[in-house]
Amino acid sequence: MVQYQARLDSTFAALSDVTRRGVLEQLGRADASVTDLAERFHMTLTGMKKHVSILEDAGLVKTEKVGRVRTCRLGVDRLEEEAAWIEQYRQLWSARFDALDELVAQMKHQENADAKRKRK
């Protein structure tokens, strides 16, 4: 459980930054070198390397170095557990909102019935 929580923490921490989410979006379209990403996001190479490192530590990005070029690609398998965790809570809240909708419908029905009785 603790290891699972640590993985969720690292994933969500990585996703908390707008630049890193942008990098993931970009890599969803095509693999890119760290240099290309740095240029695209108007950052220094050092700054982009830090972002890529955080994404890689979280398992969201895989890198491969060939010569002097480090190419990044999505690590898609990693988000399955996170998506399942989110889905669990989505189902919980969906059920709660469905119950609330039912309660509101019952209250409106009762309110309408009470109003009809008062008019008679």
Protein backbone atom coordinates (compact mmCIF):
# COMPACT_ATOMS: atom_id res chain seq x y z
CA MET A 1 0.00 0.00 0.00
CA VAL A 2 2.75 2.46 0.93
CA GLN A 3 4.64 1.70 -2.28
CA TYR A 4 1.42 2.16 -4.29
CA GLN A 5 0.80 5.52 -2.57
CA ALA A 6 4.38 6.63 -3.29
CA ARG A 7 3.86 5.84 -6.97
CA LEU A 8 0.62 7.82 -7.05
CA ASP A 9 2.35 10.70 -5.28
CA SER A 10 5.19 10.79 -7.81
CA THR A 11 2.80 10.56 -10.75
CA PHE A 12 0.51 13.33 -9.53
CA ALA A 13 3.48 15.49 -8.52
CA ALA A 14 4.86 15.11 -12.04
CA LEU A 15 1.47 15.98 -13.54
CA SER A 16 1.08 19.04 -11.31
CA ASP A 17 3.34 21.17 -13.49
CA VAL A 18 1.95 22.79 -16.65
CA THR A 19 5.22 22.37 -18.55
CA ARG A 20 5.40 18.66 -17.79
CA ARG A 21 1.76 18.20 -18.88
CA GLY A 22 2.67 20.05 -22.06
CA VAL A 23 5.64 17.73 -22.61
CA LEU A 24 3.34 14.72 -22.25
CA GLU A 25 0.90 16.26 -24.72
CA GLN A 26 3.73 16.85 -27.18
CA LEU A 27 5.08 13.33 -26.77
CA GLY A 28 1.56 12.01 -27.35
CA ARG A 29 1.87 13.40 -30.88
CA ALA A 30 5.46 12.29 -31.57
CA ASP A 31 8.69 11.32 -29.87
CA ALA A 32 11.08 14.23 -29.40
CA SER A 33 14.60 14.93 -28.26
CA VAL A 34 15.22 16.85 -25.05
CA THR A 35 16.71 19.64 -27.19
CA ASP A 36 13.56 19.83 -29.35
CA LEU A 37 11.38 19.96 -26.25
CA ALA A 38 13.52 22.71 -24.70
CA GLU A 39 13.20 24.79 -27.87
CA ARG A 40 9.47 24.17 -28.16
CA PHE A 41 8.89 25.28 -24.57
CA HIS A 42 11.40 28.16 -24.72
CA MET A 43 13.49 26.70 -21.91
CA THR A 44 17.12 26.01 -21.25
CA LEU A 45 18.34 22.51 -21.93
CA THR A 46 19.11 22.09 -18.21
CA GLY A 47 15.58 23.11 -17.24
CA MET A 48 14.00 20.70 -19.70
CA LYS A 49 16.30 17.89 -18.54
CA LYS A 50 14.97 18.40 -15.01
CA HIS A 51 11.36 18.21 -16.20
CA VAL A 52 12.07 15.09 -18.26
CA SER A 53 13.86 13.51 -15.30
CA ILE A 54 10.82 14.03 -13.07
CA LEU A 55 8.53 12.56 -15.73
CA GLU A 56 10.91 9.64 -16.20
CA ASP A 57 11.15 8.97 -12.44
CA ALA A 58 7.35 8.86 -12.35
CA GLY A 59 7.34 6.36 -15.23
CA LEU A 60 5.44 8.69 -17.54
CA VAL A 61 8.31 9.13 -20.01
CA LYS A 62 10.99 6.80 -21.31
CA THR A 63 14.26 8.13 -22.71
CA GLU A 64 16.88 6.58 -24.91
CA LYS A 65 20.28 8.04 -25.60
CA VAL A 66 21.82 7.43 -29.01
CA GLY A 67 25.08 9.25 -29.42
CA ARG A 68 24.57 12.75 -28.10
CA VAL A 69 20.81 12.79 -28.59
CA ARG A 70 18.40 11.78 -25.82
CA THR A 71 15.00 10.93 -27.31
CA CYS A 72 11.85 10.95 -25.18
CA ARG A 73 8.67 8.95 -25.67
CA LEU A 74 5.58 8.29 -23.59
CA GLY A 75 5.63 5.52 -21.01
CA VAL A 76 1.92 4.78 -21.49
CA ASP A 77 1.66 1.62 -19.40
CA ARG A 78 2.21 3.62 -16.24
CA LEU A 79 -1.05 5.57 -16.29
CA GLU A 80 -3.26 2.47 -16.16
CA GLU A 81 -3.03 2.17 -12.37
CA GLU A 82 -3.57 5.90 -11.88
CA ALA A 83 -6.57 5.85 -14.22
CA ALA A 84 -8.02 2.92 -12.26
CA TRP A 85 -7.55 4.85 -9.00
CA ILE A 86 -9.30 7.89 -10.47
CA GLU A 87 -12.08 5.73 -11.91
CA GLN A 88 -12.76 4.25 -8.48
CA TYR A 89 -13.44 7.74 -7.10
CA ARG A 90 -15.36 8.80 -10.22
CA GLN A 91 -17.75 5.88 -9.66
CA LEU A 92 -18.11 6.77 -5.98
CA TRP A 93 -18.97 10.40 -6.73
CA SER A 94 -21.21 9.44 -9.62
CA ALA A 95 -23.24 7.19 -7.30
CA ARG A 96 -23.46 9.97 -4.72
CA PHE A 97 -24.64 12.51 -7.29
CA ASP A 98 -27.19 10.01 -8.63
CA ALA A 99 -28.53 9.58 -5.09
CA LEU A 100 -28.65 13.35 -4.65
CA ASP A 101 -30.55 13.73 -7.96
CA GLU A 102 -33.06 11.14 -6.75
CA LEU A 103 -33.50 12.96 -3.43
CA VAL A 104 -34.04 16.30 -5.17
CA ALA A 105 -36.59 14.71 -7.52
CA GLN A 106 -38.46 13.23 -4.54
CA MET A 107 -38.45 16.59 -2.73
CA LYS A 108 -39.77 18.40 -5.82
CA HIS A 109 -42.50 15.79 -6.21
CA GLN A 110 -43.46 16.21 -2.55
CA GLU A 111 -43.37 20.00 -2.88
CA ASN A 112 -45.66 19.87 -5.92
CA ALA A 113 -48.05 17.50 -4.13
CA ASP A 114 -48.14 19.80 -1.08
CA ALA A 115 -48.80 22.83 -3.29
CA LYS A 116 -51.72 21.05 -5.01
CA ARG A 117 -53.25 20.14 -1.64
CA LYS A 118 -53.03 23.74 -0.40
CA ARG A 119 -54.82 25.03 -3.52
CA LYS A 120 -57.80 22.73 -2.92
